[in-house]
Amino acid sequence: MAQNCIGRERRQDNFMSHRKIQSRAALFPKLNIMKKQGKKIVFARGCFDFLHPGHIDYLTKAKAQGDILVVWVNTDQSVRMLKGESRPINNLNVRMAMLASLEAVDFISFFKDEEGLEIVKKFKPDIVAVPQISSLYLKVIKDYGGKIAAIPVLRKYSTSQIIKKILKNYGSKEKKCAHHRQ
């Protein structure tokens, strides 16, 4: 019985059919056509574990750098490596579905953290939007003539801070709301 519930849950949160969510194999040819049409392609990347105003600000500013914004989302395994075993809160499908609802986002795909540089090398986007400039990325992007858009993060928003606040306010049994008590 539990297996059926798990199977149903997986089917319910499979959002891969959303038109903005694309595999690399499907995405790269589309982006190549758009590039040939003179569109400026912007890449942004991140975990986007618990969507908040800081993410929306980052992605809106990234979109303003060009015509087409492609958001690369870290895989669940990649998020665990970067943020710890208790993360991500939301699985990859859910995170991509949330991003797909944002007007600024044109396409979404996923990557393992170690693949990020290879994706940039392979496609050569016009602009890579980043909160922090990595010297390795900077060299690769400058070598092919691309640009980096440094977009500062809104420090007052972070998924880790939101999780800490939730745990502080709702983490113990004593702090649970009365309607959650049994």
C-alpha atoms as a PDB file:
ATOM      1  CA  MET A   1       0.000   0.000   0.000  1.00  0.00           C
ATOM      2  CA  ALA A   2       2.781   2.457   0.900  1.00  0.00           C
ATOM      3  CA  GLN A   3       4.443   1.785  -2.437  1.00  0.00           C
ATOM      4  CA  ASN A   4       1.294   2.820  -4.293  1.00  0.00           C
ATOM      5  CA  CYS A   5       1.168   6.082  -2.344  1.00  0.00           C
ATOM      6  CA  ILE A   6       4.794   6.817  -3.165  1.00  0.00           C
ATOM      7  CA  GLY A   7       4.210   6.009  -6.821  1.00  0.00           C
ATOM      8  CA  ARG A   8       1.168   8.290  -6.941  1.00  0.00           C
ATOM      9  CA  GLU A   9       3.098  11.083  -5.250  1.00  0.00           C
ATOM     10  CA  ARG A  10       5.866  10.856  -7.836  1.00  0.00           C
ATOM     11  CA  ARG A  11       3.394  10.994 -10.714  1.00  0.00           C
ATOM     12  CA  GLN A  12       1.632  13.999  -9.216  1.00  0.00           C
ATOM     13  CA  ASP A  13       4.796  16.092  -8.984  1.00  0.00           C
ATOM     14  CA  ASN A  14       6.224  15.257 -12.400  1.00  0.00           C
ATOM     15  CA  PHE A  15       6.074  18.652 -14.051  1.00  0.00           C
ATOM     16  CA  MET A  16       8.447  17.841 -16.909  1.00  0.00           C
ATOM     17  CA  SER A  17       5.605  18.381 -19.376  1.00  0.00           C
ATOM     18  CA  HIS A  18       5.630  22.162 -18.797  1.00  0.00           C
ATOM     19  CA  ARG A  19       6.722  23.883 -22.018  1.00  0.00           C
ATOM     20  CA  LYS A  20       9.467  25.868 -20.245  1.00  0.00           C
ATOM     21  CA  ILE A  21      11.106  22.760 -18.762  1.00  0.00           C
ATOM     22  CA  GLN A  22      13.435  21.219 -21.330  1.00  0.00           C
ATOM     23  CA  SER A  23      16.061  18.513 -21.519  1.00  0.00           C
ATOM     24  CA  ARG A  24      19.448  19.657 -22.786  1.00  0.00           C
ATOM     25  CA  ALA A  25      18.931  17.659 -25.966  1.00  0.00           C
ATOM     26  CA  ALA A  26      15.715  19.584 -26.706  1.00  0.00           C
ATOM     27  CA  LEU A  27      16.914  22.949 -25.395  1.00  0.00           C
ATOM     28  CA  PHE A  28      20.216  23.475 -27.209  1.00  0.00           C
ATOM     29  CA  PRO A  29      18.776  23.322 -30.775  1.00  0.00           C
ATOM     30  CA  LYS A  30      16.035  25.804 -29.810  1.00  0.00           C
ATOM     31  CA  LEU A  31      18.581  28.171 -28.312  1.00  0.00           C
ATOM     32  CA  ASN A  32      20.814  27.885 -31.374  1.00  0.00           C
ATOM     33  CA  ILE A  33      17.911  28.959 -33.603  1.00  0.00           C
ATOM     34  CA  MET A  34      17.179  31.901 -31.297  1.00  0.00           C
ATOM     35  CA  LYS A  35      20.852  32.902 -31.311  1.00  0.00           C
ATOM     36  CA  LYS A  36      20.863  32.885 -35.125  1.00  0.00           C
ATOM     37  CA  GLN A  37      17.811  35.175 -34.969  1.00  0.00           C
ATOM     38  CA  GLY A  38      19.916  37.654 -32.988  1.00  0.00           C
ATOM     39  CA  LYS A  39      18.427  36.933 -29.568  1.00  0.00           C
ATOM     40  CA  LYS A  40      20.728  37.434 -26.570  1.00  0.00           C
ATOM     41  CA  ILE A  41      20.760  34.295 -24.452  1.00  0.00           C
ATOM     42  CA  VAL A  42      21.268  34.636 -20.685  1.00  0.00           C
ATOM     43  CA  PHE A  43      22.122  31.724 -18.401  1.00  0.00           C
ATOM     44  CA  ALA A  44      21.442  31.781 -14.655  1.00  0.00           C
ATOM     45  CA  ARG A  45      21.832  28.912 -12.256  1.00  0.00           C
ATOM     46  CA  GLY A  46      21.089  27.896  -8.703  1.00  0.00           C
ATOM     47  CA  CYS A  47      19.417  25.511  -6.295  1.00  0.00           C
ATOM     48  CA  PHE A  48      16.143  27.462  -5.954  1.00  0.00           C
ATOM     49  CA  ASP A  49      15.135  25.127  -3.155  1.00  0.00           C
ATOM     50  CA  PHE A  50      12.508  27.322  -1.513  1.00  0.00           C
ATOM     51  CA  LEU A  51      11.508  30.110  -3.890  1.00  0.00           C
ATOM     52  CA  HIS A  52      11.683  33.549  -2.216  1.00  0.00           C
ATOM     53  CA  PRO A  53      11.931  37.259  -3.148  1.00  0.00           C
ATOM     54  CA  GLY A  54      15.729  37.054  -3.443  1.00  0.00           C
ATOM     55  CA  HIS A  55      15.409  34.463  -6.215  1.00  0.00           C
ATOM     56  CA  ILE A  56      12.756  36.498  -8.007  1.00  0.00           C
ATOM     57  CA  ASP A  57      14.932  39.627  -7.855  1.00  0.00           C
ATOM     58  CA  TYR A  58      17.967  37.709  -9.178  1.00  0.00           C
ATOM     59  CA  LEU A  59      16.030  36.147 -12.058  1.00  0.00           C
ATOM     60  CA  THR A  60      14.241  39.376 -12.989  1.00  0.00           C
ATOM     61  CA  LYS A  61      17.580  41.208 -13.146  1.00  0.00           C
ATOM     62  CA  ALA A  62      19.125  38.332 -15.098  1.00  0.00           C
ATOM     63  CA  LYS A  63      16.296  38.458 -17.662  1.00  0.00           C
ATOM     64  CA  ALA A  64      16.869  42.213 -18.090  1.00  0.00           C
ATOM     65  CA  GLN A  65      20.377  41.412 -19.383  1.00  0.00           C
ATOM     66  CA  GLY A  66      19.103  39.817 -22.596  1.00  0.00           C
ATOM     67  CA  ASP A  67      16.180  38.353 -24.517  1.00  0.00           C
ATOM     68  CA  ILE A  68      15.972  34.722 -23.394  1.00  0.00           C
ATOM     69  CA  LEU A  69      16.599  33.587 -19.819  1.00  0.00           C
ATOM     70  CA  VAL A  70      17.571  29.960 -19.291  1.00  0.00           C
ATOM     71  CA  VAL A  71      17.649  28.861 -15.673  1.00  0.00           C
ATOM     72  CA  TRP A  72      19.823  25.877 -14.814  1.00  0.00           C
ATOM     73  CA  VAL A  73      18.684  24.145 -11.625  1.00  0.00           C
ATOM     74  CA  ASN A  74      20.972  21.986  -9.499  1.00  0.00           C
ATOM     75  CA  THR A  75      19.918  18.332  -9.275  1.00  0.00           C
ATOM     76  CA  ASP A  76      18.802  16.976  -5.891  1.00  0.00           C
ATOM     77  CA  GLN A  77      22.137  15.179  -5.475  1.00  0.00           C
ATOM     78  CA  SER A  78      24.021  18.357  -6.327  1.00  0.00           C
ATOM     79  CA  VAL A  79      22.004  20.366  -3.769  1.00  0.00           C
ATOM     80  CA  ARG A  80      22.798  17.754  -1.090  1.00  0.00           C
ATOM     81  CA  MET A  81      26.494  18.077  -1.862  1.00  0.00           C
ATOM     82  CA  LEU A  82      26.350  21.885  -1.683  1.00  0.00           C
ATOM     83  CA  LYS A  83      23.880  22.416   1.177  1.00  0.00           C
ATOM     84  CA  GLY A  84      23.914  19.222   3.263  1.00  0.00           C
ATOM     85  CA  GLU A  85      21.971  15.984   3.602  1.00  0.00           C
ATOM     86  CA  SER A  86      18.732  17.630   4.756  1.00  0.00           C
ATOM     87  CA  ARG A  87      18.401  19.506   1.479  1.00  0.00           C
ATOM     88  CA  PRO A  88      16.754  20.025  -0.879  1.00  0.00           C
ATOM     89  CA  ILE A  89      13.413  20.698   0.776  1.00  0.00           C
ATOM     90  CA  ASN A  90      11.647  20.495  -2.606  1.00  0.00           C
ATOM     91  CA  ASN A  91      12.666  17.934  -5.201  1.00  0.00           C
ATOM     92  CA  LEU A  92      13.933  18.917  -8.642  1.00  0.00           C
ATOM     93  CA  ASN A  93      10.538  18.602 -10.354  1.00  0.00           C
ATOM     94  CA  VAL A  94       8.861  20.874  -7.819  1.00  0.00           C
ATOM     95  CA  ARG A  95      11.673  23.444  -7.966  1.00  0.00           C
ATOM     96  CA  MET A  96      11.525  23.575 -11.764  1.00  0.00           C
ATOM     97  CA  ALA A  97       7.714  23.867 -11.730  1.00  0.00           C
ATOM     98  CA  MET A  98       7.904  26.845  -9.368  1.00  0.00           C
ATOM     99  CA  LEU A  99      10.449  28.538 -11.628  1.00  0.00           C
ATOM    100  CA  ALA A 100       8.297  27.813 -14.692  1.00  0.00           C
ATOM    101  CA  SER A 101       5.567  29.966 -13.165  1.00  0.00           C
ATOM    102  CA  LEU A 102       7.796  33.049 -13.234  1.00  0.00           C
ATOM    103  CA  GLU A 103       7.314  35.457 -16.129  1.00  0.00           C
ATOM    104  CA  ALA A 104      11.029  36.290 -16.353  1.00  0.00           C
ATOM    105  CA  VAL A 105      12.004  32.652 -16.987  1.00  0.00           C
ATOM    106  CA  ASP A 106      11.899  31.388 -20.578  1.00  0.00           C
ATOM    107  CA  PHE A 107      13.440  27.930 -20.207  1.00  0.00           C
ATOM    108  CA  ILE A 108      14.554  25.655 -17.389  1.00  0.00           C
ATOM    109  CA  SER A 109      16.840  22.657 -17.365  1.00  0.00           C
ATOM    110  CA  PHE A 110      18.917  20.917 -14.733  1.00  0.00           C
ATOM    111  CA  PHE A 111      22.553  20.112 -14.097  1.00  0.00           C
ATOM    112  CA  LYS A 112      24.931  18.562 -11.628  1.00  0.00           C
ATOM    113  CA  ASP A 113      27.110  21.277 -10.086  1.00  0.00           C
ATOM    114  CA  GLU A 114      30.251  19.920 -11.726  1.00  0.00           C
ATOM    115  CA  GLU A 115      28.578  20.206 -15.178  1.00  0.00           C
ATOM    116  CA  GLY A 116      27.944  23.950 -14.996  1.00  0.00           C
ATOM    117  CA  LEU A 117      31.176  25.020 -16.646  1.00  0.00           C
ATOM    118  CA  GLU A 118      30.842  22.379 -19.368  1.00  0.00           C
ATOM    119  CA  ILE A 119      27.350  23.599 -20.236  1.00  0.00           C
ATOM    120  CA  VAL A 120      28.654  27.158 -20.579  1.00  0.00           C
ATOM    121  CA  LYS A 121      31.599  25.953 -22.720  1.00  0.00           C
ATOM    122  CA  LYS A 122      29.324  23.903 -24.961  1.00  0.00           C
ATOM    123  CA  PHE A 123      26.591  26.463 -25.590  1.00  0.00           C
ATOM    124  CA  LYS A 124      28.473  29.761 -25.113  1.00  0.00           C
ATOM    125  CA  PRO A 125      25.596  31.960 -23.913  1.00  0.00           C
ATOM    126  CA  ASP A 126      25.902  35.685 -24.562  1.00  0.00           C
ATOM    127  CA  ILE A 127      25.610  36.454 -20.857  1.00  0.00           C
ATOM    128  CA  VAL A 128      25.993  34.426 -17.684  1.00  0.00           C
ATOM    129  CA  ALA A 129      24.239  35.997 -14.696  1.00  0.00           C
ATOM    130  CA  VAL A 130      25.875  35.172 -11.390  1.00  0.00           C
ATOM    131  CA  PRO A 131      25.679  36.362  -7.793  1.00  0.00           C
ATOM    132  CA  GLN A 132      29.434  35.767  -7.377  1.00  0.00           C
ATOM    133  CA  ILE A 133      32.062  35.871 -10.103  1.00  0.00           C
ATOM    134  CA  SER A 134      34.204  32.755 -10.341  1.00  0.00           C
ATOM    135  CA  SER A 135      37.618  33.251 -11.940  1.00  0.00           C
ATOM    136  CA  LEU A 136      37.264  29.903 -13.734  1.00  0.00           C
ATOM    137  CA  TYR A 137      33.925  30.900 -15.288  1.00  0.00           C
ATOM    138  CA  LEU A 138      35.253  34.381 -16.061  1.00  0.00           C
ATOM    139  CA  LYS A 139      38.153  32.988 -18.093  1.00  0.00           C
ATOM    140  CA  VAL A 140      35.952  30.558 -20.066  1.00  0.00           C
ATOM    141  CA  ILE A 141      33.316  33.197 -20.805  1.00  0.00           C
ATOM    142  CA  LYS A 142      35.853  35.849 -21.828  1.00  0.00           C
ATOM    143  CA  ASP A 143      37.635  33.312 -24.070  1.00  0.00           C
ATOM    144  CA  TYR A 144      34.571  32.917 -26.289  1.00  0.00           C
ATOM    145  CA  GLY A 145      33.522  36.579 -26.098  1.00  0.00           C
ATOM    146  CA  GLY A 146      30.631  36.287 -23.660  1.00  0.00           C
ATOM    147  CA  LYS A 147      29.876  38.533 -20.714  1.00  0.00           C
ATOM    148  CA  ILE A 148      29.250  38.027 -17.038  1.00  0.00           C
ATOM    149  CA  ALA A 149      26.476  39.966 -15.337  1.00  0.00           C
ATOM    150  CA  ALA A 150      27.227  40.206 -11.630  1.00  0.00           C
ATOM    151  CA  ILE A 151      23.869  40.377  -9.862  1.00  0.00           C
ATOM    152  CA  PRO A 152      24.162  40.915  -6.118  1.00  0.00           C
ATOM    153  CA  VAL A 153      21.867  38.822  -3.967  1.00  0.00           C
ATOM    154  CA  LEU A 154      19.386  40.363  -1.567  1.00  0.00           C
ATOM    155  CA  ARG A 155      21.090  39.347   1.684  1.00  0.00           C
ATOM    156  CA  LYS A 156      17.931  39.573   3.754  1.00  0.00           C
ATOM    157  CA  TYR A 157      16.493  36.582   1.863  1.00  0.00           C
ATOM    158  CA  SER A 158      17.980  33.125   1.765  1.00  0.00           C
ATOM    159  CA  THR A 159      16.547  29.639   1.847  1.00  0.00           C
ATOM    160  CA  SER A 160      18.819  28.710   4.758  1.00  0.00           C
ATOM    161  CA  GLN A 161      17.570  31.706   6.793  1.00  0.00           C
ATOM    162  CA  ILE A 162      13.942  30.840   6.006  1.00  0.00           C
ATOM    163  CA  ILE A 163      14.493  27.233   7.135  1.00  0.00           C
ATOM    164  CA  LYS A 164      16.129  28.425  10.385  1.00  0.00           C
ATOM    165  CA  LYS A 165      13.213  30.759  11.058  1.00  0.00           C
ATOM    166  CA  ILE A 166      10.677  27.980  10.444  1.00  0.00           C
ATOM    167  CA  LEU A 167      12.547  25.613  12.743  1.00  0.00           C
ATOM    168  CA  LYS A 168      12.870  28.290  15.419  1.00  0.00           C
ATOM    169  CA  ASN A 169       9.195  29.212  15.285  1.00  0.00           C
ATOM    170  CA  TYR A 170       7.636  25.823  14.536  1.00  0.00           C
ATOM    171  CA  GLY A 171      10.326  23.235  15.142  1.00  0.00           C
ATOM    172  CA  SER A 172       9.369  21.978  18.587  1.00  0.00           C
ATOM    173  CA  LYS A 173       6.116  20.344  19.676  1.00  0.00           C
ATOM    174  CA  GLU A 174       5.502  23.111  22.226  1.00  0.00           C
ATOM    175  CA  LYS A 175       5.513  25.760  19.494  1.00  0.00           C
ATOM    176  CA  LYS A 176       3.104  24.001  17.150  1.00  0.00           C
ATOM    177  CA  CYS A 177      -0.228  25.674  16.576  1.00  0.00           C
ATOM    178  CA  ALA A 178      -3.153  24.330  18.567  1.00  0.00           C
ATOM    179  CA  HIS A 179      -4.824  22.868  15.475  1.00  0.00           C
ATOM    180  CA  HIS A 180      -1.731  20.712  14.850  1.00  0.00           C
ATOM    181  CA  ARG A 181      -1.771  19.178  18.324  1.00  0.00           C
ATOM    182  CA  GLN A 182      -3.263  15.744  18.758  1.00  0.00           C
END
